[in-house]
C-alpha atoms as a PDB file:
ATOM      1  CA  MET A   1       2.324 -15.037   6.085  1.00  0.00           C
ATOM      2  CA  LEU A   2       4.156 -12.062   4.866  1.00  0.00           C
ATOM      3  CA  ASN A   3       7.608 -13.888   5.696  1.00  0.00           C
ATOM      4  CA  GLU A   4       6.818 -16.047   2.676  1.00  0.00           C
ATOM      5  CA  LEU A   5       6.525 -13.057   0.503  1.00  0.00           C
ATOM      6  CA  ILE A   6       9.799 -11.474   1.305  1.00  0.00           C
ATOM      7  CA  ASN A   7      12.073 -10.661  -1.961  1.00  0.00           C
ATOM      8  CA  THR A   8       8.887 -11.224  -4.054  1.00  0.00           C
ATOM      9  CA  ASP A   9       7.196  -8.736  -6.511  1.00  0.00           C
ATOM     10  CA  ILE A  10       3.749  -7.970  -5.046  1.00  0.00           C
ATOM     11  CA  ILE A  11       0.641  -5.916  -5.511  1.00  0.00           C
ATOM     12  CA  VAL A  12      -0.738  -3.998  -2.410  1.00  0.00           C
ATOM     13  CA  ASP A  13      -4.316  -2.836  -2.796  1.00  0.00           C
ATOM     14  CA  THR A  14      -6.025  -0.247  -0.672  1.00  0.00           C
ATOM     15  CA  PRO A  15      -9.340   1.235  -0.277  1.00  0.00           C
ATOM     16  CA  TYR A  16      -8.103   4.545  -1.551  1.00  0.00           C
ATOM     17  CA  ASP A  17      -7.012   5.427  -5.117  1.00  0.00           C
ATOM     18  CA  TYR A  18      -3.603   4.098  -4.592  1.00  0.00           C
ATOM     19  CA  GLN A  19      -2.128   0.646  -5.590  1.00  0.00           C
ATOM     20  CA  TYR A  20       1.471  -0.273  -4.890  1.00  0.00           C
ATOM     21  CA  ILE A  21       3.594  -2.793  -6.995  1.00  0.00           C
ATOM     22  CA  GLY A  22       7.104  -3.626  -5.848  1.00  0.00           C
ATOM     23  CA  LYS A  23       9.423  -6.158  -4.159  1.00  0.00           C
ATOM     24  CA  LEU A  24       8.696  -6.696  -0.413  1.00  0.00           C
ATOM     25  CA  ILE A  25      11.889  -6.337   1.620  1.00  0.00           C
ATOM     26  CA  ARG A  26      10.435  -6.175   5.006  1.00  0.00           C
ATOM     27  CA  PHE A  27       7.601  -5.494   7.398  1.00  0.00           C
ATOM     28  CA  ASP A  28       6.913  -4.743  11.035  1.00  0.00           C
ATOM     29  CA  ASP A  29       3.573  -4.362  12.968  1.00  0.00           C
ATOM     30  CA  GLU A  30       2.940  -1.023  11.342  1.00  0.00           C
ATOM     31  CA  TYR A  31       4.482  -0.906   8.014  1.00  0.00           C
ATOM     32  CA  VAL A  32       5.225  -2.951   4.655  1.00  0.00           C
ATOM     33  CA  GLU A  33       8.280  -1.850   2.896  1.00  0.00           C
ATOM     34  CA  LEU A  34       8.706  -2.325  -0.945  1.00  0.00           C
ATOM     35  CA  GLU A  35      11.608  -1.457  -3.015  1.00  0.00           C
ATOM     36  CA  THR A  36      11.784  -0.577  -6.601  1.00  0.00           C
ATOM     37  CA  ALA A  37       8.271   0.233  -6.338  1.00  0.00           C
ATOM     38  CA  ASP A  38       5.432   1.714  -8.369  1.00  0.00           C
ATOM     39  CA  VAL A  39       3.050   3.732  -6.505  1.00  0.00           C
ATOM     40  CA  HIS A  40       0.045   4.122  -8.762  1.00  0.00           C
ATOM     41  CA  ASP A  41      -2.819   6.670  -8.402  1.00  0.00           C
ATOM     42  CA  THR A  42      -5.755   5.543 -10.231  1.00  0.00           C
ATOM     43  CA  LYS A  43      -7.049   9.240 -10.565  1.00  0.00           C
ATOM     44  CA  GLU A  44      -4.253   9.936 -12.847  1.00  0.00           C
ATOM     45  CA  SER A  45      -4.787   7.069 -15.240  1.00  0.00           C
ATOM     46  CA  SER A  46      -7.572   5.655 -17.451  1.00  0.00           C
ATOM     47  CA  ALA A  47      -6.740   2.165 -16.316  1.00  0.00           C
ATOM     48  CA  THR A  48      -8.540   0.531 -13.501  1.00  0.00           C
ATOM     49  CA  LYS A  49      -6.612  -1.128 -10.613  1.00  0.00           C
ATOM     50  CA  GLU A  50      -7.354  -4.303 -12.187  1.00  0.00           C
ATOM     51  CA  GLN A  51      -6.360  -3.463 -15.570  1.00  0.00           C
ATOM     52  CA  TYR A  52      -3.044  -1.888 -14.197  1.00  0.00           C
ATOM     53  CA  ALA A  53      -2.429  -5.041 -12.130  1.00  0.00           C
ATOM     54  CA  MET A  54      -2.580  -7.189 -15.205  1.00  0.00           C
ATOM     55  CA  GLU A  55      -0.506  -4.891 -17.335  1.00  0.00           C
ATOM     56  CA  ALA A  56       2.196  -4.953 -14.525  1.00  0.00           C
ATOM     57  CA  SER A  57       1.989  -8.761 -14.391  1.00  0.00           C
ATOM     58  CA  ARG A  58       2.346  -9.028 -18.148  1.00  0.00           C
ATOM     59  CA  ASP A  59       5.024  -6.523 -18.838  1.00  0.00           C
ATOM     60  CA  PHE A  60       6.972  -5.122 -15.787  1.00  0.00           C
ATOM     61  CA  ILE A  61       6.964  -2.866 -12.795  1.00  0.00           C
ATOM     62  CA  LYS A  62       7.317   0.734 -13.811  1.00  0.00           C
ATOM     63  CA  ALA A  63       9.092   1.899 -10.637  1.00  0.00           C
ATOM     64  CA  ASN A  64       8.896   5.510  -9.602  1.00  0.00           C
ATOM     65  CA  ARG A  65      10.077   4.984  -6.108  1.00  0.00           C
ATOM     66  CA  LYS A  66      13.352   3.250  -4.807  1.00  0.00           C
ATOM     67  CA  LYS A  67      11.466   2.416  -1.637  1.00  0.00           C
ATOM     68  CA  VAL A  68       8.075   3.075  -0.227  1.00  0.00           C
ATOM     69  CA  LEU A  69       6.526   2.441   3.376  1.00  0.00           C
ATOM     70  CA  ILE A  70       2.860   1.337   3.485  1.00  0.00           C
ATOM     71  CA  LYS A  71       0.974   1.540   6.670  1.00  0.00           C
ATOM     72  CA  GLN A  72      -0.545  -1.848   7.342  1.00  0.00           C
ATOM     73  CA  SER A  73      -3.854  -0.353   8.425  1.00  0.00           C
ATOM     74  CA  THR A  74      -4.424   1.078   4.898  1.00  0.00           C
ATOM     75  CA  ILE A  75      -4.012  -2.464   3.172  1.00  0.00           C
ATOM     76  CA  LEU A  76      -6.899  -4.416   1.791  1.00  0.00           C
ATOM     77  CA  SER A  77      -5.080  -7.176   0.262  1.00  0.00           C
ATOM     78  CA  ILE A  78      -1.558  -8.366  -0.934  1.00  0.00           C
ATOM     79  CA  SER A  79      -0.967 -10.616  -3.885  1.00  0.00           C
ATOM     80  CA  LYS A  80       2.110 -12.016  -5.618  1.00  0.00           C
ATOM     81  CA  LEU A  81       2.382 -10.335  -8.875  1.00  0.00           C
ATOM     82  CA  GLU A  82       2.770 -13.644 -10.626  1.00  0.00           C
ATOM     83  CA  ASP A  83      -0.516 -14.721  -9.200  1.00  0.00           C
ATOM     84  CA  ILE A  84      -2.431 -12.147 -11.253  1.00  0.00           C
ATOM     85  CA  ILE A  85      -4.650 -13.754 -13.706  1.00  0.00           C
ATOM     86  CA  ILE A  86      -4.780 -11.896 -17.072  1.00  0.00           C
ATOM     87  CA  PHE A  87      -8.133 -12.212 -18.943  1.00  0.00           C
END
């Protein structure tokens, strides 16, 4: 399934305070790698994860990392950025 998302902007949700937004460039059994990524810590923002996802979908990715690796065991969900519904 992840093969279909290569070179696509995605949002990765975790059970922690972190949310990742960026272009999926590769993955293996242990990690997902994003480039031009935004690592968003909800503790440092007044926006909820949902609000931040809608903002990123509407505007653009505010990259703060060239690349980031995310351990697959920490991932709750992955969505295409373009699939975020703004309400």
